[in-house]
Amino acid sequence: MVHIPEPPVETGIALSILFLCYELTRPYDKQHPTLSRKFPWLISFSFGLLHGLGFASALKEVGLSQTSIPLALACFNIGVEIGQLIFLSFLIVLLKLCAKVPVFHHKLFQKVPLYTMGIMASFWFIQRAYIMFHVL
């Protein structure tokens, strides 16, 4: 139903990951909430739509017929939700174990994964933006 060229979608996906890393590194402030804390439904909807467009174009590229894409996307989303529940269950157990080790209480340790993801997302964004401006 919607066709958007792949390079802008991929660039937007990388930018969405970078945005989320930035938002998660900001301290909680009730008087000045971040965009994702103020409008979580809007961020979830926008990112879901953007990532869904990326996945749908990947399904189309592998040769899936136009009529098979909705079912494939629905199955993919169900699989993602189940995978997230399994991952979060594992993560909760891991965090409970880490909470018993004093070194893991340091703020730097808590931010390292976010900064690592942010650096990777920055690289992906720059790479995809370069490709986008040279392809389109």
N, C-alpha and C. Protein backbone atom coordinates (compact mmCIF):
# COMPACT_ATOMS: atom_id res chain seq x y z
N MET A 1 0.82 -1.21 0.00
CA MET A 1 0.00 0.00 0.00
C MET A 1 0.86 1.26 0.00
N VAL A 2 2.01 1.19 0.70
CA VAL A 2 2.89 2.36 0.79
C VAL A 2 4.26 1.95 0.25
N HIS A 3 4.79 2.80 -0.62
CA HIS A 3 6.14 2.52 -1.11
C HIS A 3 7.04 3.72 -0.84
N ILE A 4 8.03 3.49 -0.03
CA ILE A 4 9.05 4.50 0.25
C ILE A 4 10.38 3.88 -0.12
N PRO A 5 11.24 4.60 -0.83
CA PRO A 5 12.53 4.02 -1.20
C PRO A 5 13.30 3.53 0.04
N GLU A 6 14.04 2.46 -0.15
CA GLU A 6 14.74 1.80 0.95
C GLU A 6 15.77 2.69 1.66
N PRO A 7 16.61 3.46 0.95
CA PRO A 7 17.63 4.26 1.66
C PRO A 7 17.08 5.23 2.72
N PRO A 8 16.01 5.99 2.44
CA PRO A 8 15.50 6.87 3.51
C PRO A 8 14.93 6.09 4.70
N VAL A 9 14.30 4.94 4.44
CA VAL A 9 13.76 4.13 5.52
C VAL A 9 14.89 3.61 6.40
N GLU A 10 15.94 3.08 5.78
CA GLU A 10 17.07 2.56 6.55
C GLU A 10 17.78 3.66 7.34
N THR A 11 17.88 4.84 6.74
CA THR A 11 18.47 5.98 7.43
C THR A 11 17.61 6.37 8.63
N GLY A 12 16.30 6.38 8.45
CA GLY A 12 15.38 6.70 9.53
C GLY A 12 15.44 5.68 10.66
N ILE A 13 15.59 4.40 10.32
CA ILE A 13 15.70 3.36 11.34
C ILE A 13 16.94 3.59 12.19
N ALA A 14 18.06 3.85 11.55
CA ALA A 14 19.30 4.11 12.29
C ALA A 14 19.15 5.35 13.18
N LEU A 15 18.51 6.39 12.64
CA LEU A 15 18.29 7.61 13.41
C LEU A 15 17.35 7.36 14.60
N SER A 16 16.36 6.50 14.42
CA SER A 16 15.44 6.19 15.53
C SER A 16 16.17 5.49 16.68
N ILE A 17 17.11 4.62 16.34
CA ILE A 17 17.89 3.94 17.39
C ILE A 17 18.78 4.95 18.10
N LEU A 18 19.41 5.83 17.34
CA LEU A 18 20.25 6.87 17.93
C LEU A 18 19.42 7.79 18.83
N PHE A 19 18.23 8.17 18.39
CA PHE A 19 17.34 9.01 19.18
C PHE A 19 16.98 8.33 20.51
N LEU A 20 16.64 7.06 20.44
CA LEU A 20 16.27 6.34 21.66
C LEU A 20 17.45 6.26 22.63
N CYS A 21 18.65 6.02 22.13
CA CYS A 21 19.83 5.99 23.00
C CYS A 21 20.02 7.35 23.68
N TYR A 22 19.85 8.41 22.91
CA TYR A 22 19.97 9.75 23.48
C TYR A 22 18.93 9.98 24.58
N GLU A 23 17.69 9.63 24.28
CA GLU A 23 16.61 9.81 25.25
C GLU A 23 16.88 9.03 26.54
N LEU A 24 17.40 7.83 26.43
CA LEU A 24 17.62 6.99 27.60
C LEU A 24 18.81 7.44 28.44
N THR A 25 19.72 8.22 27.85
CA THR A 25 20.86 8.72 28.63
C THR A 25 20.51 10.00 29.39
N ARG A 26 19.41 10.63 29.04
CA ARG A 26 19.02 11.86 29.72
C ARG A 26 18.43 11.55 31.09
N PRO A 27 18.76 12.35 32.08
CA PRO A 27 18.21 12.10 33.42
C PRO A 27 16.71 12.37 33.47
N TYR A 28 16.05 11.70 34.39
CA TYR A 28 14.61 11.87 34.55
C TYR A 28 14.34 13.23 35.18
N ASP A 29 13.47 14.01 34.53
CA ASP A 29 13.11 15.33 35.02
C ASP A 29 11.61 15.49 34.83
N LYS A 30 10.86 15.51 35.92
CA LYS A 30 9.41 15.59 35.84
C LYS A 30 8.92 16.88 35.18
N GLN A 31 9.64 17.98 35.40
CA GLN A 31 9.21 19.27 34.85
C GLN A 31 9.54 19.41 33.36
N HIS A 32 10.58 18.72 32.90
CA HIS A 32 10.99 18.78 31.51
C HIS A 32 11.15 17.36 30.97
N PRO A 33 10.04 16.65 30.76
CA PRO A 33 10.15 15.26 30.31
C PRO A 33 10.70 15.18 28.88
N THR A 34 11.38 14.10 28.59
CA THR A 34 11.87 13.87 27.24
C THR A 34 10.67 13.59 26.33
N LEU A 35 10.91 13.66 25.04
CA LEU A 35 9.83 13.44 24.07
C LEU A 35 9.23 12.04 24.23
N SER A 36 10.08 11.05 24.44
CA SER A 36 9.56 9.68 24.57
C SER A 36 8.83 9.46 25.89
N ARG A 37 9.15 10.23 26.91
CA ARG A 37 8.41 10.12 28.17
C ARG A 37 7.11 10.92 28.12
N LYS A 38 7.10 11.96 27.31
CA LYS A 38 5.91 12.80 27.19
C LYS A 38 4.88 12.17 26.25
N PHE A 39 5.35 11.57 25.16
CA PHE A 39 4.47 10.97 24.16
C PHE A 39 4.93 9.55 23.80
N PRO A 40 4.89 8.61 24.74
CA PRO A 40 5.40 7.27 24.45
C PRO A 40 4.63 6.57 23.33
N TRP A 41 3.34 6.81 23.22
CA TRP A 41 2.54 6.18 22.18
C TRP A 41 2.96 6.67 20.80
N LEU A 42 3.29 7.96 20.69
CA LEU A 42 3.69 8.52 19.40
C LEU A 42 5.04 7.97 18.96
N ILE A 43 5.97 7.88 19.90
CA ILE A 43 7.29 7.34 19.58
C ILE A 43 7.17 5.86 19.19
N SER A 44 6.42 5.09 19.97
CA SER A 44 6.23 3.66 19.67
C SER A 44 5.58 3.47 18.30
N PHE A 45 4.53 4.23 18.04
CA PHE A 45 3.83 4.12 16.76
C PHE A 45 4.76 4.49 15.60
N SER A 46 5.46 5.61 15.73
CA SER A 46 6.34 6.08 14.65
C SER A 46 7.47 5.10 14.38
N PHE A 47 8.11 4.65 15.46
CA PHE A 47 9.23 3.72 15.28
C PHE A 47 8.74 2.37 14.76
N GLY A 48 7.59 1.91 15.24
CA GLY A 48 7.03 0.65 14.76
C GLY A 48 6.70 0.73 13.28
N LEU A 49 6.11 1.84 12.87
CA LEU A 49 5.77 2.04 11.46
C LEU A 49 7.05 2.08 10.62
N LEU A 50 8.03 2.82 11.06
CA LEU A 50 9.29 2.95 10.33
C LEU A 50 10.00 1.60 10.21
N HIS A 51 10.11 0.88 11.32
CA HIS A 51 10.80 -0.41 11.30
C HIS A 51 9.98 -1.43 10.49
N GLY A 52 8.64 -1.33 10.56
CA GLY A 52 7.79 -2.20 9.76
C GLY A 52 7.96 -1.96 8.27
N LEU A 53 8.11 -0.68 7.87
CA LEU A 53 8.37 -0.37 6.46
C LEU A 53 9.68 -0.99 6.00
N GLY A 54 10.68 -0.91 6.88
CA GLY A 54 11.97 -1.51 6.54
C GLY A 54 11.87 -3.01 6.38
N PHE A 55 11.15 -3.66 7.28
CA PHE A 55 11.00 -5.10 7.19
C PHE A 55 10.16 -5.50 5.99
N ALA A 56 9.09 -4.75 5.72
CA ALA A 56 8.23 -5.06 4.57
C ALA A 56 9.01 -4.95 3.26
N SER A 57 9.87 -3.94 3.15
CA SER A 57 10.66 -3.82 1.91
C SER A 57 11.66 -4.95 1.80
N ALA A 58 12.18 -5.42 2.95
CA ALA A 58 13.11 -6.56 2.92
C ALA A 58 12.36 -7.82 2.48
N LEU A 59 11.12 -7.99 2.94
CA LEU A 59 10.32 -9.15 2.52
C LEU A 59 10.03 -9.10 1.02
N LYS A 60 9.76 -7.90 0.53
CA LYS A 60 9.48 -7.74 -0.90
C LYS A 60 10.72 -8.06 -1.73
N GLU A 61 11.89 -7.66 -1.22
CA GLU A 61 13.14 -7.92 -1.93
C GLU A 61 13.47 -9.39 -2.06
N VAL A 62 13.09 -10.19 -1.06
CA VAL A 62 13.39 -11.62 -1.12
C VAL A 62 12.40 -12.37 -2.00
N GLY A 63 11.43 -11.66 -2.56
CA GLY A 63 10.54 -12.27 -3.53
C GLY A 63 9.18 -12.66 -3.00
N LEU A 64 8.81 -12.22 -1.83
CA LEU A 64 7.48 -12.53 -1.29
C LEU A 64 6.44 -11.77 -2.11
N SER A 65 5.34 -12.44 -2.42
CA SER A 65 4.30 -11.78 -3.20
C SER A 65 3.61 -10.71 -2.35
N GLN A 66 3.00 -9.77 -3.02
CA GLN A 66 2.33 -8.66 -2.35
C GLN A 66 1.24 -9.16 -1.40
N THR A 67 0.56 -10.25 -1.75
CA THR A 67 -0.51 -10.78 -0.91
C THR A 67 0.02 -11.52 0.31
N SER A 68 1.26 -12.00 0.28
CA SER A 68 1.85 -12.73 1.40
C SER A 68 2.48 -11.82 2.45
N ILE A 69 2.76 -10.59 2.09
CA ILE A 69 3.46 -9.69 3.00
C ILE A 69 2.68 -9.40 4.29
N PRO A 70 1.36 -9.13 4.24
CA PRO A 70 0.65 -8.86 5.51
C PRO A 70 0.73 -10.02 6.51
N LEU A 71 0.56 -11.26 6.05
CA LEU A 71 0.65 -12.42 6.94
C LEU A 71 2.08 -12.57 7.47
N ALA A 72 3.06 -12.37 6.60
CA ALA A 72 4.46 -12.47 7.03
C ALA A 72 4.78 -11.40 8.08
N LEU A 73 4.27 -10.18 7.89
CA LEU A 73 4.49 -9.11 8.87
C LEU A 73 3.80 -9.42 10.19
N ALA A 74 2.58 -9.96 10.13
CA ALA A 74 1.87 -10.32 11.36
C ALA A 74 2.62 -11.41 12.12
N CYS A 75 3.07 -12.43 11.42
CA CYS A 75 3.84 -13.51 12.06
C CYS A 75 5.15 -12.98 12.61
N PHE A 76 5.78 -12.08 11.87
CA PHE A 76 7.03 -11.48 12.34
C PHE A 76 6.79 -10.71 13.64
N ASN A 77 5.72 -9.91 13.67
CA ASN A 77 5.42 -9.12 14.87
C ASN A 77 5.11 -10.01 16.07
N ILE A 78 4.37 -11.09 15.85
CA ILE A 78 4.10 -12.03 16.94
C ILE A 78 5.40 -12.64 17.43
N GLY A 79 6.26 -13.02 16.50
CA GLY A 79 7.56 -13.58 16.87
C GLY A 79 8.42 -12.58 17.62
N VAL A 80 8.39 -11.33 17.20
CA VAL A 80 9.15 -10.28 17.90
C VAL A 80 8.64 -10.13 19.33
N GLU A 81 7.34 -10.10 19.51
CA GLU A 81 6.77 -9.95 20.85
C GLU A 81 7.15 -11.12 21.75
N ILE A 82 7.07 -12.33 21.24
CA ILE A 82 7.46 -13.50 22.02
C ILE A 82 8.95 -13.44 22.34
N GLY A 83 9.75 -13.07 21.35
CA GLY A 83 11.19 -12.93 21.57
C GLY A 83 11.51 -11.88 22.62
N GLN A 84 10.79 -10.77 22.60
CA GLN A 84 11.01 -9.71 23.59
C GLN A 84 10.67 -10.20 25.00
N LEU A 85 9.58 -10.96 25.13
CA LEU A 85 9.21 -11.49 26.44
C LEU A 85 10.28 -12.46 26.97
N ILE A 86 10.80 -13.30 26.10
CA ILE A 86 11.87 -14.23 26.50
C ILE A 86 13.12 -13.44 26.88
N PHE A 87 13.50 -12.46 26.05
CA PHE A 87 14.69 -11.66 26.33
C PHE A 87 14.54 -10.88 27.62
N LEU A 88 13.38 -10.26 27.83
CA LEU A 88 13.17 -9.49 29.07
C LEU A 88 13.18 -10.39 30.30
N SER A 89 12.65 -11.59 30.18
CA SER A 89 12.70 -12.53 31.30
C SER A 89 14.14 -12.86 31.66
N PHE A 90 14.94 -13.14 30.63
CA PHE A 90 16.36 -13.42 30.84
C PHE A 90 17.07 -12.20 31.43
N LEU A 91 16.75 -11.02 30.91
CA LEU A 91 17.38 -9.79 31.37
C LEU A 91 17.03 -9.48 32.83
N ILE A 92 15.80 -9.71 33.22
CA ILE A 92 15.39 -9.46 34.60
C ILE A 92 16.17 -10.35 35.56
N VAL A 93 16.32 -11.62 35.20
CA VAL A 93 17.10 -12.54 36.03
C VAL A 93 18.55 -12.06 36.10
N LEU A 94 19.12 -11.70 34.96
CA LEU A 94 20.50 -11.23 34.92
C LEU A 94 20.69 -9.97 35.75
N LEU A 95 19.76 -9.02 35.65
CA LEU A 95 19.86 -7.78 36.42
C LEU A 95 19.73 -8.03 37.93
N LYS A 96 18.90 -8.97 38.30
CA LYS A 96 18.77 -9.32 39.73
C LYS A 96 20.08 -9.91 40.25
N LEU A 97 20.74 -10.71 39.42
CA LEU A 97 22.04 -11.27 39.82
C LEU A 97 23.10 -10.18 39.89
N CYS A 98 23.09 -9.27 38.92
CA CYS A 98 24.06 -8.18 38.90
C CYS A 98 23.85 -7.21 40.06
N ALA A 99 22.63 -7.07 40.51
CA ALA A 99 22.33 -6.15 41.61
C ALA A 99 23.04 -6.56 42.90
N LYS A 100 23.43 -7.82 42.98
CA LYS A 100 24.12 -8.33 44.17
C LYS A 100 25.62 -8.03 44.13
N VAL A 101 26.13 -7.58 42.98
CA VAL A 101 27.55 -7.27 42.83
C VAL A 101 27.72 -5.74 42.88
N PRO A 102 28.45 -5.21 43.87
CA PRO A 102 28.56 -3.76 44.07
C PRO A 102 29.08 -2.97 42.86
N VAL A 103 30.00 -3.53 42.09
CA VAL A 103 30.59 -2.77 40.97
C VAL A 103 29.53 -2.40 39.93
N PHE A 104 28.47 -3.19 39.80
CA PHE A 104 27.43 -2.93 38.81
C PHE A 104 26.51 -1.77 39.20
N HIS A 105 26.67 -1.24 40.40
CA HIS A 105 25.84 -0.12 40.85
C HIS A 105 26.38 1.22 40.36
N HIS A 106 27.59 1.24 39.83
CA HIS A 106 28.20 2.48 39.36
C HIS A 106 27.46 3.00 38.13
N LYS A 107 27.20 4.32 38.08
CA LYS A 107 26.45 4.94 36.97
C LYS A 107 27.11 4.70 35.61
N LEU A 108 28.44 4.71 35.59
CA LEU A 108 29.15 4.51 34.33
C LEU A 108 28.81 3.15 33.74
N PHE A 109 28.79 2.13 34.58
CA PHE A 109 28.48 0.79 34.09
C PHE A 109 27.07 0.73 33.51
N GLN A 110 26.16 1.47 34.09
CA GLN A 110 24.78 1.45 33.62
C GLN A 110 24.62 2.15 32.27
N LYS A 111 25.50 3.08 31.95
CA LYS A 111 25.37 3.85 30.70
C LYS A 111 26.19 3.26 29.55
N VAL A 112 27.15 2.39 29.85
CA VAL A 112 28.01 1.84 28.80
C VAL A 112 27.21 1.18 27.68
N PRO A 113 26.21 0.33 27.97
CA PRO A 113 25.45 -0.27 26.86
C PRO A 113 24.76 0.78 25.98
N LEU A 114 24.23 1.84 26.60
CA LEU A 114 23.56 2.88 25.82
C LEU A 114 24.54 3.63 24.92
N TYR A 115 25.70 3.96 25.46
CA TYR A 115 26.69 4.66 24.65
C TYR A 115 27.21 3.76 23.52
N THR A 116 27.37 2.48 23.80
CA THR A 116 27.81 1.53 22.77
C THR A 116 26.78 1.47 21.65
N MET A 117 25.51 1.33 22.02
CA MET A 117 24.45 1.30 21.01
C MET A 117 24.37 2.63 20.26
N GLY A 118 24.56 3.74 20.97
CA GLY A 118 24.54 5.06 20.33
C GLY A 118 25.66 5.23 19.31
N ILE A 119 26.85 4.73 19.65
CA ILE A 119 27.98 4.81 18.71
C ILE A 119 27.68 3.97 17.47
N MET A 120 27.16 2.77 17.69
CA MET A 120 26.83 1.90 16.54
C MET A 120 25.74 2.54 15.68
N ALA A 121 24.71 3.09 16.32
CA ALA A 121 23.62 3.72 15.58
C ALA A 121 24.12 4.95 14.81
N SER A 122 25.05 5.69 15.41
CA SER A 122 25.64 6.85 14.72
C SER A 122 26.36 6.41 13.46
N PHE A 123 27.13 5.34 13.58
CA PHE A 123 27.85 4.80 12.41
C PHE A 123 26.85 4.39 11.34
N TRP A 124 25.80 3.64 11.73
CA TRP A 124 24.80 3.18 10.77
C TRP A 124 24.09 4.37 10.12
N PHE A 125 23.77 5.39 10.92
CA PHE A 125 23.09 6.56 10.38
C PHE A 125 23.97 7.26 9.35
N ILE A 126 25.22 7.51 9.68
CA ILE A 126 26.13 8.20 8.75
C ILE A 126 26.31 7.37 7.49
N GLN A 127 26.50 6.07 7.66
CA GLN A 127 26.69 5.18 6.52
C GLN A 127 25.46 5.19 5.61
N ARG A 128 24.28 5.08 6.20
CA ARG A 128 23.06 5.03 5.40
C ARG A 128 22.72 6.39 4.79
N ALA A 129 23.02 7.47 5.51
CA ALA A 129 22.78 8.80 4.95
C ALA A 129 23.69 9.03 3.75
N TYR A 130 24.93 8.58 3.85
CA TYR A 130 25.88 8.68 2.73
C TYR A 130 25.33 7.93 1.52
N ILE A 131 24.88 6.70 1.76
CA ILE A 131 24.32 5.89 0.67
C ILE A 131 23.08 6.55 0.10
N MET A 132 22.21 7.07 0.99
CA MET A 132 20.96 7.69 0.55
C MET A 132 21.23 8.86 -0.38
N PHE A 133 22.17 9.71 -0.02
CA PHE A 133 22.43 10.89 -0.84
C PHE A 133 23.19 10.58 -2.12
N HIS A 134 23.82 9.41 -2.16
CA HIS A 134 24.52 9.03 -3.39
C HIS A 134 23.69 8.13 -4.29
N VAL A 135 22.62 7.55 -3.74
CA VAL A 135 21.76 6.68 -4.53
C VAL A 135 20.58 7.45 -5.11
N LEU A 136 20.00 8.34 -4.30
CA LEU A 136 18.79 9.04 -4.74
C LEU A 136 19.09 10.23 -5.63
